Amino acid sequence: GKMVRADPSLLLETDRETGQTILRGMGELHLEVTLDRLRTE
């Protein structure tokens, strides 16, 4: 939630059928870096 608040090109939502958390972004690298920053920050 904090990452999405800091980066308006990220979008967080829940899949209504599966209940999975879906993270939307601008590219593969963008999403990889976001997940890596969760670890470091």
PDB file of all heavy atoms in Angstrom:
ATOM      1  N   GLY A   1       0.818  -1.208   0.000  1.00  0.00           N
ATOM      2  CA  GLY A   1       0.000   0.000   0.000  1.00  0.00           C
ATOM      3  C   GLY A   1       0.854   1.261   0.000  1.00  0.00           C
ATOM      4  O   GLY A   1       0.547   2.229  -0.711  1.00  0.00           O
ATOM      5  N   LYS A   2       1.930   1.241   0.762  1.00  0.00           N
ATOM      6  CA  LYS A   2       2.837   2.406   0.802  1.00  0.00           C
ATOM      7  C   LYS A   2       3.547   2.590  -0.531  1.00  0.00           C
ATOM      8  O   LYS A   2       3.751   3.719  -0.988  1.00  0.00           O
ATOM      9  CB  LYS A   2       3.856   2.233   1.931  1.00  0.00           C
ATOM     10  CG  LYS A   2       3.264   2.432   3.320  1.00  0.00           C
ATOM     11  CD  LYS A   2       4.348   2.401   4.393  1.00  0.00           C
ATOM     12  CE  LYS A   2       3.772   2.706   5.766  1.00  0.00           C
ATOM     13  NZ  LYS A   2       4.811   2.694   6.817  1.00  0.00           N
ATOM     14  N   MET A   3       3.940   1.484  -1.167  1.00  0.00           N
ATOM     15  CA  MET A   3       4.611   1.575  -2.464  1.00  0.00           C
ATOM     16  C   MET A   3       3.678   2.178  -3.518  1.00  0.00           C
ATOM     17  O   MET A   3       4.084   3.004  -4.331  1.00  0.00           O
ATOM     18  CB  MET A   3       5.076   0.193  -2.927  1.00  0.00           C
ATOM     19  CG  MET A   3       6.196  -0.410  -2.101  1.00  0.00           C
ATOM     20  SD  MET A   3       7.752   0.481  -2.232  1.00  0.00           S
ATOM     21  CE  MET A   3       8.205   0.141  -3.909  1.00  0.00           C
ATOM     22  N   VAL A   4       2.416   1.755  -3.501  1.00  0.00           N
ATOM     23  CA  VAL A   4       1.443   2.251  -4.481  1.00  0.00           C
ATOM     24  C   VAL A   4       1.141   3.725  -4.223  1.00  0.00           C
ATOM     25  O   VAL A   4       0.967   4.511  -5.153  1.00  0.00           O
ATOM     26  CB  VAL A   4       0.157   1.400  -4.437  1.00  0.00           C
ATOM     27  CG1 VAL A   4      -0.939   2.018  -5.275  1.00  0.00           C
ATOM     28  CG2 VAL A   4       0.460  -0.018  -4.918  1.00  0.00           C
ATOM     29  N   ARG A   5       1.095   4.103  -2.962  1.00  0.00           N
ATOM     30  CA  ARG A   5       0.852   5.518  -2.634  1.00  0.00           C
ATOM     31  C   ARG A   5       2.000   6.387  -3.149  1.00  0.00           C
ATOM     32  O   ARG A   5       1.801   7.509  -3.611  1.00  0.00           O
ATOM     33  CB  ARG A   5       0.716   5.667  -1.113  1.00  0.00           C
ATOM     34  CG  ARG A   5       0.426   7.092  -0.690  1.00  0.00           C
ATOM     35  CD  ARG A   5       0.423   7.243   0.823  1.00  0.00           C
ATOM     36  NE  ARG A   5       0.378   8.657   1.168  1.00  0.00           N
ATOM     37  CZ  ARG A   5       0.899   9.166   2.269  1.00  0.00           C
ATOM     38  NH1 ARG A   5       1.517   8.397   3.133  1.00  0.00           N
ATOM     39  NH2 ARG A   5       0.811  10.457   2.516  1.00  0.00           N
ATOM     40  N   ALA A   6       3.217   5.838  -3.100  1.00  0.00           N
ATOM     41  CA  ALA A   6       4.394   6.609  -3.521  1.00  0.00           C
ATOM     42  C   ALA A   6       4.533   6.649  -5.041  1.00  0.00           C
ATOM     43  O   ALA A   6       5.149   7.566  -5.577  1.00  0.00           O
ATOM     44  CB  ALA A   6       5.663   6.014  -2.896  1.00  0.00           C
ATOM     45  N   ASP A   7       3.972   5.664  -5.751  1.00  0.00           N
ATOM     46  CA  ASP A   7       4.164   5.561  -7.203  1.00  0.00           C
ATOM     47  C   ASP A   7       2.811   5.457  -7.909  1.00  0.00           C
ATOM     48  O   ASP A   7       2.204   4.387  -7.952  1.00  0.00           O
ATOM     49  CB  ASP A   7       5.014   4.318  -7.508  1.00  0.00           C
ATOM     50  CG  ASP A   7       5.363   4.190  -8.987  1.00  0.00           C
ATOM     51  OD1 ASP A   7       4.767   4.929  -9.798  1.00  0.00           O
ATOM     52  OD2 ASP A   7       6.213   3.355  -9.331  1.00  0.00           O
ATOM     53  N   PRO A   8       2.305   6.563  -8.471  1.00  0.00           N
ATOM     54  CA  PRO A   8       0.975   6.541  -9.101  1.00  0.00           C
ATOM     55  C   PRO A   8       0.894   5.665 -10.349  1.00  0.00           C
ATOM     56  O   PRO A   8      -0.207   5.427 -10.845  1.00  0.00           O
ATOM     57  CB  PRO A   8       0.737   8.012  -9.480  1.00  0.00           C
ATOM     58  CG  PRO A   8       1.731   8.799  -8.701  1.00  0.00           C
ATOM     59  CD  PRO A   8       2.899   7.905  -8.481  1.00  0.00           C
ATOM     60  N   SER A   9       2.036   5.189 -10.885  1.00  0.00           N
ATOM     61  CA  SER A   9       1.959   4.300 -12.050  1.00  0.00           C
ATOM     62  C   SER A   9       1.815   2.839 -11.621  1.00  0.00           C
ATOM     63  O   SER A   9       1.759   1.946 -12.463  1.00  0.00           O
ATOM     64  CB  SER A   9       3.195   4.467 -12.942  1.00  0.00           C
ATOM     65  OG  SER A   9       4.367   4.120 -12.263  1.00  0.00           O
ATOM     66  N   LEU A  10       1.736   2.590 -10.319  1.00  0.00           N
ATOM     67  CA  LEU A  10       1.393   1.265  -9.795  1.00  0.00           C
ATOM     68  C   LEU A  10      -0.076   1.261  -9.399  1.00  0.00           C
ATOM     69  O   LEU A  10      -0.612   2.279  -8.953  1.00  0.00           O
ATOM     70  CB  LEU A  10       2.232   0.939  -8.553  1.00  0.00           C
ATOM     71  CG  LEU A  10       3.709   0.584  -8.750  1.00  0.00           C
ATOM     72  CD1 LEU A  10       4.401   0.499  -7.396  1.00  0.00           C
ATOM     73  CD2 LEU A  10       3.872  -0.726  -9.505  1.00  0.00           C
ATOM     74  N   LEU A  11      -0.715   0.106  -9.557  1.00  0.00           N
ATOM     75  CA  LEU A  11      -2.124  -0.020  -9.196  1.00  0.00           C
ATOM     76  C   LEU A  11      -2.299  -1.360  -8.493  1.00  0.00           C
ATOM     77  O   LEU A  11      -1.785  -2.385  -8.951  1.00  0.00           O
ATOM     78  CB  LEU A  11      -2.990   0.043 -10.461  1.00  0.00           C
ATOM     79  CG  LEU A  11      -4.495   0.214 -10.270  1.00  0.00           C
ATOM     80  CD1 LEU A  11      -4.809   1.543  -9.611  1.00  0.00           C
ATOM     81  CD2 LEU A  11      -5.205   0.140 -11.628  1.00  0.00           C
ATOM     82  N   LEU A  12      -3.014  -1.342  -7.391  1.00  0.00           N
ATOM     83  CA  LEU A  12      -3.221  -2.555  -6.603  1.00  0.00           C
ATOM     84  C   LEU A  12      -4.708  -2.890  -6.601  1.00  0.00           C
ATOM     85  O   LEU A  12      -5.546  -2.013  -6.377  1.00  0.00           O
ATOM     86  CB  LEU A  12      -2.736  -2.304  -5.165  1.00  0.00           C
ATOM     87  CG  LEU A  12      -2.390  -3.510  -4.300  1.00  0.00           C
ATOM     88  CD1 LEU A  12      -1.297  -4.348  -4.943  1.00  0.00           C
ATOM     89  CD2 LEU A  12      -1.962  -3.045  -2.917  1.00  0.00           C
ATOM     90  N   GLU A  13      -5.049  -4.141  -6.873  1.00  0.00           N
ATOM     91  CA  GLU A  13      -6.455  -4.548  -6.839  1.00  0.00           C
ATOM     92  C   GLU A  13      -6.551  -6.020  -6.483  1.00  0.00           C
ATOM     93  O   GLU A  13      -5.556  -6.755  -6.502  1.00  0.00           O
ATOM     94  CB  GLU A  13      -7.144  -4.258  -8.179  1.00  0.00           C
ATOM     95  CG  GLU A  13      -6.460  -4.873  -9.376  1.00  0.00           C
ATOM     96  CD  GLU A  13      -7.035  -4.359 -10.691  1.00  0.00           C
ATOM     97  OE1 GLU A  13      -7.217  -3.141 -10.843  1.00  0.00           O
ATOM     98  OE2 GLU A  13      -7.275  -5.209 -11.563  1.00  0.00           O
ATOM     99  N   THR A  14      -7.749  -6.452  -6.175  1.00  0.00           N
ATOM    100  CA  THR A  14      -7.987  -7.858  -5.825  1.00  0.00           C
ATOM    101  C   THR A  14      -8.841  -8.502  -6.906  1.00  0.00           C
ATOM    102  O   THR A  14      -9.874  -7.944  -7.305  1.00  0.00           O
ATOM    103  CB  THR A  14      -8.705  -7.966  -4.462  1.00  0.00           C
ATOM    104  OG1 THR A  14      -7.922  -7.306  -3.469  1.00  0.00           O
ATOM    105  CG2 THR A  14      -8.899  -9.417  -4.064  1.00  0.00           C
ATOM    106  N   ASP A  15      -8.407  -9.655  -7.405  1.00  0.00           N
ATOM    107  CA  ASP A  15      -9.183 -10.390  -8.408  1.00  0.00           C
ATOM    108  C   ASP A  15     -10.459 -10.910  -7.738  1.00  0.00           C
ATOM    109  O   ASP A  15     -10.401 -11.656  -6.758  1.00  0.00           O
ATOM    110  CB  ASP A  15      -8.358 -11.556  -8.961  1.00  0.00           C
ATOM    111  CG  ASP A  15      -9.050 -12.235 -10.135  1.00  0.00           C
ATOM    112  OD1 ASP A  15     -10.084 -12.884  -9.898  1.00  0.00           O
ATOM    113  OD2 ASP A  15      -8.560 -12.105 -11.272  1.00  0.00           O
ATOM    114  N   ARG A  16     -11.612 -10.513  -8.298  1.00  0.00           N
ATOM    115  CA  ARG A  16     -12.889 -10.853  -7.655  1.00  0.00           C
ATOM    116  C   ARG A  16     -13.174 -12.350  -7.666  1.00  0.00           C
ATOM    117  O   ARG A  16     -13.928 -12.847  -6.843  1.00  0.00           O
ATOM    118  CB  ARG A  16     -14.026 -10.094  -8.350  1.00  0.00           C
ATOM    119  CG  ARG A  16     -14.129  -8.648  -7.905  1.00  0.00           C
ATOM    120  CD  ARG A  16     -15.124  -7.864  -8.728  1.00  0.00           C
ATOM    121  NE  ARG A  16     -14.626  -7.614 -10.084  1.00  0.00           N
ATOM    122  CZ  ARG A  16     -15.247  -6.846 -10.964  1.00  0.00           C
ATOM    123  NH1 ARG A  16     -16.385  -6.277 -10.649  1.00  0.00           N
ATOM    124  NH2 ARG A  16     -14.739  -6.655 -12.165  1.00  0.00           N
ATOM    125  N   GLU A  17     -12.589 -13.087  -8.607  1.00  0.00           N
ATOM    126  CA  GLU A  17     -12.868 -14.521  -8.697  1.00  0.00           C
ATOM    127  C   GLU A  17     -11.906 -15.348  -7.857  1.00  0.00           C
ATOM    128  O   GLU A  17     -12.303 -16.254  -7.154  1.00  0.00           O
ATOM    129  CB  GLU A  17     -12.805 -14.969 -10.153  1.00  0.00           C
ATOM    130  CG  GLU A  17     -13.971 -14.455 -10.990  1.00  0.00           C
ATOM    131  CD  GLU A  17     -14.135 -15.258 -12.263  1.00  0.00           C
ATOM    132  OE1 GLU A  17     -13.166 -15.917 -12.675  1.00  0.00           O
ATOM    133  OE2 GLU A  17     -15.233 -15.242 -12.835  1.00  0.00           O
ATOM    134  N   THR A  18     -10.607 -15.036  -7.958  1.00  0.00           N
ATOM    135  CA  THR A  18      -9.602 -15.876  -7.288  1.00  0.00           C
ATOM    136  C   THR A  18      -9.204 -15.342  -5.923  1.00  0.00           C
ATOM    137  O   THR A  18      -8.615 -16.072  -5.125  1.00  0.00           O
ATOM    138  CB  THR A  18      -8.330 -15.984  -8.156  1.00  0.00           C
ATOM    139  OG1 THR A  18      -7.733 -14.677  -8.258  1.00  0.00           O
ATOM    140  CG2 THR A  18      -8.667 -16.490  -9.546  1.00  0.00           C
ATOM    141  N   GLY A  19      -9.480 -14.043  -5.666  1.00  0.00           N
ATOM    142  CA  GLY A  19      -9.053 -13.446  -4.402  1.00  0.00           C
ATOM    143  C   GLY A  19      -7.584 -13.065  -4.378  1.00  0.00           C
ATOM    144  O   GLY A  19      -7.068 -12.605  -3.362  1.00  0.00           O
ATOM    145  N   GLN A  20      -6.871 -13.265  -5.506  1.00  0.00           N
ATOM    146  CA  GLN A  20      -5.451 -12.926  -5.556  1.00  0.00           C
ATOM    147  C   GLN A  20      -5.242 -11.410  -5.549  1.00  0.00           C
ATOM    148  O   GLN A  20      -6.069 -10.645  -6.039  1.00  0.00           O
ATOM    149  CB  GLN A  20      -4.823 -13.480  -6.838  1.00  0.00           C
ATOM    150  CG  GLN A  20      -4.593 -14.974  -6.844  1.00  0.00           C
ATOM    151  CD  GLN A  20      -3.935 -15.406  -8.146  1.00  0.00           C
ATOM    152  OE1 GLN A  20      -4.443 -15.116  -9.227  1.00  0.00           O
ATOM    153  NE2 GLN A  20      -2.814 -16.106  -8.055  1.00  0.00           N
ATOM    154  N   THR A  21      -4.109 -10.996  -4.984  1.00  0.00           N
ATOM    155  CA  THR A  21      -3.711  -9.587  -5.042  1.00  0.00           C
ATOM    156  C   THR A  21      -3.002  -9.348  -6.368  1.00  0.00           C
ATOM    157  O   THR A  21      -2.031 -10.039  -6.696  1.00  0.00           O
ATOM    158  CB  THR A  21      -2.768  -9.232  -3.875  1.00  0.00           C
ATOM    159  OG1 THR A  21      -3.458  -9.478  -2.644  1.00  0.00           O
ATOM    160  CG2 THR A  21      -2.352  -7.772  -3.931  1.00  0.00           C
ATOM    161  N   ILE A  22      -3.485  -8.399  -7.146  1.00  0.00           N
ATOM    162  CA  ILE A  22      -2.928  -8.100  -8.473  1.00  0.00           C
ATOM    163  C   ILE A  22      -2.207  -6.751  -8.420  1.00  0.00           C
ATOM    164  O   ILE A  22      -2.776  -5.746  -7.986  1.00  0.00           O
ATOM    165  CB  ILE A  22      -4.036  -8.057  -9.550  1.00  0.00           C
ATOM    166  CG1 ILE A  22      -4.839  -9.371  -9.557  1.00  0.00           C
ATOM    167  CG2 ILE A  22      -3.430  -7.768 -10.922  1.00  0.00           C
ATOM    168  CD1 ILE A  22      -4.029 -10.601  -9.919  1.00  0.00           C
ATOM    169  N   LEU A  23      -0.960  -6.740  -8.858  1.00  0.00           N
ATOM    170  CA  LEU A  23      -0.173  -5.505  -8.914  1.00  0.00           C
ATOM    171  C   LEU A  23       0.028  -5.153 -10.384  1.00  0.00           C
ATOM    172  O   LEU A  23       0.531  -5.956 -11.165  1.00  0.00           O
ATOM    173  CB  LEU A  23       1.182  -5.698  -8.227  1.00  0.00           C
ATOM    174  CG  LEU A  23       2.098  -4.471  -8.159  1.00  0.00           C
ATOM    175  CD1 LEU A  23       1.498  -3.389  -7.275  1.00  0.00           C
ATOM    176  CD2 LEU A  23       3.485  -4.858  -7.632  1.00  0.00           C
ATOM    177  N   ARG A  24      -0.369  -3.946 -10.759  1.00  0.00           N
ATOM    178  CA  ARG A  24      -0.222  -3.487 -12.143  1.00  0.00           C
ATOM    179  C   ARG A  24       0.869  -2.430 -12.212  1.00  0.00           C
ATOM    180  O   ARG A  24       1.012  -1.618 -11.302  1.00  0.00           O
ATOM    181  CB  ARG A  24      -1.535  -2.902 -12.674  1.00  0.00           C
ATOM    182  CG  ARG A  24      -2.700  -3.871 -12.662  1.00  0.00           C
ATOM    183  CD  ARG A  24      -3.900  -3.296 -13.396  1.00  0.00           C
ATOM    184  NE  ARG A  24      -5.063  -4.172 -13.300  1.00  0.00           N
ATOM    185  CZ  ARG A  24      -5.255  -5.229 -14.058  1.00  0.00           C
ATOM    186  NH1 ARG A  24      -4.378  -5.551 -14.984  1.00  0.00           N
ATOM    187  NH2 ARG A  24      -6.330  -5.983 -13.918  1.00  0.00           N
ATOM    188  N   GLY A  25       1.635  -2.444 -13.322  1.00  0.00           N
ATOM    189  CA  GLY A  25       2.719  -1.478 -13.484  1.00  0.00           C
ATOM    190  C   GLY A  25       3.043  -1.233 -14.946  1.00  0.00           C
ATOM    191  O   GLY A  25       2.298  -1.631 -15.851  1.00  0.00           O
ATOM    192  N   MET A  26       4.197  -0.585 -15.182  1.00  0.00           N
ATOM    193  CA  MET A  26       4.556  -0.139 -16.526  1.00  0.00           C
ATOM    194  C   MET A  26       5.426  -1.125 -17.297  1.00  0.00           C
ATOM    195  O   MET A  26       5.697  -0.918 -18.474  1.00  0.00           O
ATOM    196  CB  MET A  26       5.290   1.203 -16.448  1.00  0.00           C
ATOM    197  CG  MET A  26       4.478   2.317 -15.803  1.00  0.00           C
ATOM    198  SD  MET A  26       2.839   2.532 -16.528  1.00  0.00           S
ATOM    199  CE  MET A  26       3.282   3.023 -18.196  1.00  0.00           C
ATOM    200  N   GLY A  27       5.908  -2.186 -16.636  1.00  0.00           N
ATOM    201  CA  GLY A  27       6.748  -3.150 -17.338  1.00  0.00           C
ATOM    202  C   GLY A  27       7.278  -4.190 -16.375  1.00  0.00           C
ATOM    203  O   GLY A  27       7.128  -4.081 -15.151  1.00  0.00           O
ATOM    204  N   GLU A  28       7.924  -5.230 -16.929  1.00  0.00           N
ATOM    205  CA  GLU A  28       8.455  -6.305 -16.089  1.00  0.00           C
ATOM    206  C   GLU A  28       9.467  -5.785 -15.076  1.00  0.00           C
ATOM    207  O   GLU A  28       9.440  -6.145 -13.897  1.00  0.00           O
ATOM    208  CB  GLU A  28       9.107  -7.378 -16.974  1.00  0.00           C
ATOM    209  CG  GLU A  28       8.117  -8.242 -17.745  1.00  0.00           C
ATOM    210  CD  GLU A  28       8.814  -9.288 -18.597  1.00  0.00           C
ATOM    211  OE1 GLU A  28       9.191  -8.961 -19.742  1.00  0.00           O
ATOM    212  OE2 GLU A  28       8.986 -10.424 -18.118  1.00  0.00           O
ATOM    213  N   LEU A  29      10.382  -4.918 -15.532  1.00  0.00           N
ATOM    214  CA  LEU A  29      11.413  -4.385 -14.637  1.00  0.00           C
ATOM    215  C   LEU A  29      10.794  -3.555 -13.523  1.00  0.00           C
ATOM    216  O   LEU A  29      11.209  -3.638 -12.362  1.00  0.00           O
ATOM    217  CB  LEU A  29      12.416  -3.543 -15.435  1.00  0.00           C
ATOM    218  CG  LEU A  29      13.570  -2.933 -14.633  1.00  0.00           C
ATOM    219  CD1 LEU A  29      14.423  -4.039 -13.997  1.00  0.00           C
ATOM    220  CD2 LEU A  29      14.437  -2.037 -15.505  1.00  0.00           C
ATOM    221  N   HIS A  30       9.790  -2.772 -13.858  1.00  0.00           N
ATOM    222  CA  HIS A  30       9.094  -1.938 -12.869  1.00  0.00           C
ATOM    223  C   HIS A  30       8.539  -2.801 -11.739  1.00  0.00           C
ATOM    224  O   HIS A  30       8.716  -2.492 -10.539  1.00  0.00           O
ATOM    225  CB  HIS A  30       7.965  -1.181 -13.580  1.00  0.00           C
ATOM    226  CG  HIS A  30       7.268  -0.173 -12.725  1.00  0.00           C
ATOM    227  ND1 HIS A  30       5.980   0.231 -12.959  1.00  0.00           N
ATOM    228  CD2 HIS A  30       7.671   0.514 -11.638  1.00  0.00           C
ATOM    229  CE1 HIS A  30       5.625   1.129 -12.063  1.00  0.00           C
ATOM    230  NE2 HIS A  30       6.637   1.314 -11.250  1.00  0.00           N
ATOM    231  N   LEU A  31       7.875  -3.914 -12.104  1.00  0.00           N
ATOM    232  CA  LEU A  31       7.275  -4.789 -11.094  1.00  0.00           C
ATOM    233  C   LEU A  31       8.344  -5.546 -10.307  1.00  0.00           C
ATOM    234  O   LEU A  31       8.226  -5.723  -9.090  1.00  0.00           O
ATOM    235  CB  LEU A  31       6.302  -5.762 -11.767  1.00  0.00           C
ATOM    236  CG  LEU A  31       5.102  -5.096 -12.459  1.00  0.00           C
ATOM    237  CD1 LEU A  31       4.282  -6.133 -13.210  1.00  0.00           C
ATOM    238  CD2 LEU A  31       4.233  -4.362 -11.457  1.00  0.00           C
ATOM    239  N   GLU A  32       9.402  -5.981 -10.989  1.00  0.00           N
ATOM    240  CA  GLU A  32      10.510  -6.670 -10.296  1.00  0.00           C
ATOM    241  C   GLU A  32      11.143  -5.761  -9.254  1.00  0.00           C
ATOM    242  O   GLU A  32      11.403  -6.181  -8.111  1.00  0.00           O
ATOM    243  CB  GLU A  32      11.583  -7.091 -11.313  1.00  0.00           C
ATOM    244  CG  GLU A  32      11.271  -8.343 -12.094  1.00  0.00           C
ATOM    245  CD  GLU A  32      12.332  -8.597 -13.157  1.00  0.00           C
ATOM    246  OE1 GLU A  32      13.476  -8.141 -12.982  1.00  0.00           O
ATOM    247  OE2 GLU A  32      12.014  -9.240 -14.179  1.00  0.00           O
ATOM    248  N   VAL A  33      11.417  -4.528  -9.644  1.00  0.00           N
ATOM    249  CA  VAL A  33      12.062  -3.572  -8.730  1.00  0.00           C
ATOM    250  C   VAL A  33      11.144  -3.269  -7.548  1.00  0.00           C
ATOM    251  O   VAL A  33      11.596  -3.165  -6.404  1.00  0.00           O
ATOM    252  CB  VAL A  33      12.441  -2.279  -9.487  1.00  0.00           C
ATOM    253  CG1 VAL A  33      12.787  -1.163  -8.515  1.00  0.00           C
ATOM    254  CG2 VAL A  33      13.614  -2.541 -10.423  1.00  0.00           C
ATOM    255  N   THR A  34       9.845  -3.144  -7.808  1.00  0.00           N
ATOM    256  CA  THR A  34       8.890  -2.874  -6.722  1.00  0.00           C
ATOM    257  C   THR A  34       8.930  -3.977  -5.682  1.00  0.00           C
ATOM    258  O   THR A  34       8.983  -3.715  -4.470  1.00  0.00           O
ATOM    259  CB  THR A  34       7.459  -2.744  -7.292  1.00  0.00           C
ATOM    260  OG1 THR A  34       7.426  -1.648  -8.209  1.00  0.00           O
ATOM    261  CG2 THR A  34       6.454  -2.507  -6.182  1.00  0.00           C
ATOM    262  N   LEU A  35       8.938  -5.231  -6.138  1.00  0.00           N
ATOM    263  CA  LEU A  35       8.984  -6.361  -5.203  1.00  0.00           C
ATOM    264  C   LEU A  35      10.318  -6.412  -4.463  1.00  0.00           C
ATOM    265  O   LEU A  35      10.364  -6.723  -3.264  1.00  0.00           O
ATOM    266  CB  LEU A  35       8.740  -7.669  -5.972  1.00  0.00           C
ATOM    267  CG  LEU A  35       7.777  -8.663  -5.308  1.00  0.00           C
ATOM    268  CD1 LEU A  35       6.419  -8.026  -5.080  1.00  0.00           C
ATOM    269  CD2 LEU A  35       7.628  -9.920  -6.123  1.00  0.00           C
ATOM    270  N   ASP A  36      11.403  -6.087  -5.166  1.00  0.00           N
ATOM    271  CA  ASP A  36      12.727  -6.082  -4.535  1.00  0.00           C
ATOM    272  C   ASP A  36      12.820  -4.984  -3.477  1.00  0.00           C
ATOM    273  O   ASP A  36      13.452  -5.155  -2.428  1.00  0.00           O
ATOM    274  CB  ASP A  36      13.805  -5.887  -5.608  1.00  0.00           C
ATOM    275  CG  ASP A  36      15.186  -6.316  -5.117  1.00  0.00           C
ATOM    276  OD1 ASP A  36      15.253  -7.157  -4.195  1.00  0.00           O
ATOM    277  OD2 ASP A  36      16.190  -5.795  -5.633  1.00  0.00           O
ATOM    278  N   ARG A  37      12.174  -3.840  -3.737  1.00  0.00           N
ATOM    279  CA  ARG A  37      12.202  -2.751  -2.768  1.00  0.00           C
ATOM    280  C   ARG A  37      11.412  -3.096  -1.503  1.00  0.00           C
ATOM    281  O   ARG A  37      11.714  -2.584  -0.423  1.00  0.00           O
ATOM    282  CB  ARG A  37      11.657  -1.466  -3.406  1.00  0.00           C
ATOM    283  CG  ARG A  37      12.618  -0.854  -4.415  1.00  0.00           C
ATOM    284  CD  ARG A  37      12.044   0.386  -5.045  1.00  0.00           C
ATOM    285  NE  ARG A  37      11.829   1.445  -4.064  1.00  0.00           N
ATOM    286  CZ  ARG A  37      11.225   2.597  -4.348  1.00  0.00           C
ATOM    287  NH1 ARG A  37      10.772   2.821  -5.574  1.00  0.00           N
ATOM    288  NH2 ARG A  37      11.074   3.517  -3.417  1.00  0.00           N
ATOM    289  N   LEU A  38      10.408  -3.961  -1.610  1.00  0.00           N
ATOM    290  CA  LEU A  38       9.708  -4.418  -0.407  1.00  0.00           C
ATOM    291  C   LEU A  38      10.683  -5.113   0.535  1.00  0.00           C
ATOM    292  O   LEU A  38      10.610  -4.962   1.759  1.00  0.00           O
ATOM    293  CB  LEU A  38       8.576  -5.380  -0.778  1.00  0.00           C
ATOM    294  CG  LEU A  38       7.378  -4.803  -1.546  1.00  0.00           C
ATOM    295  CD1 LEU A  38       6.364  -5.904  -1.829  1.00  0.00           C
ATOM    296  CD2 LEU A  38       6.718  -3.677  -0.782  1.00  0.00           C
ATOM    297  N   ARG A  39      11.622  -5.858  -0.068  1.00  0.00           N
ATOM    298  CA  ARG A  39      12.622  -6.567   0.745  1.00  0.00           C
ATOM    299  C   ARG A  39      13.591  -5.601   1.414  1.00  0.00           C
ATOM    300  O   ARG A  39      13.867  -5.715   2.614  1.00  0.00           O
ATOM    301  CB  ARG A  39      13.391  -7.557  -0.142  1.00  0.00           C
ATOM    302  CG  ARG A  39      14.552  -8.252   0.550  1.00  0.00           C
ATOM    303  CD  ARG A  39      15.322  -9.142  -0.413  1.00  0.00           C
ATOM    304  NE  ARG A  39      15.894  -8.401  -1.527  1.00  0.00           N
ATOM    305  CZ  ARG A  39      17.042  -7.719  -1.438  1.00  0.00           C
ATOM    306  NH1 ARG A  39      17.725  -7.682  -0.305  1.00  0.00           N
ATOM    307  NH2 ARG A  39      17.513  -7.084  -2.502  1.00  0.00           N
ATOM    308  N   THR A  40      14.105  -4.624   0.646  1.00  0.00           N
ATOM    309  CA  THR A  40      15.150  -3.748   1.186  1.00  0.00           C
ATOM    310  C   THR A  40      14.594  -2.623   2.060  1.00  0.00           C
ATOM    311  O   THR A  40      15.248  -2.188   3.002  1.00  0.00           O
ATOM    312  CB  THR A  40      15.979  -3.133   0.044  1.00  0.00           C
ATOM    313  OG1 THR A  40      15.109  -2.432  -0.853  1.00  0.00           O
ATOM    314  CG2 THR A  40      16.726  -4.205  -0.721  1.00  0.00           C
ATOM    315  N   GLU A  41      13.382  -2.150   1.755  1.00  0.00           N
ATOM    316  CA  GLU A  41      12.845  -1.004   2.489  1.00  0.00           C
ATOM    317  C   GLU A  41      11.882  -1.380   3.604  1.00  0.00           C
ATOM    318  O   GLU A  41      11.740  -0.655   4.582  1.00  0.00           O
ATOM    319  CB  GLU A  41      12.154  -0.036   1.520  1.00  0.00           C
ATOM    320  CG  GLU A  41      13.122   0.605   0.530  1.00  0.00           C
ATOM    321  CD  GLU A  41      12.420   1.455  -0.525  1.00  0.00           C
ATOM    322  OE1 GLU A  41      11.307   1.954  -0.249  1.00  0.00           O
ATOM    323  OE2 GLU A  41      12.987   1.610  -1.622  1.00  0.00           O
TER     324      GLU A  41
END
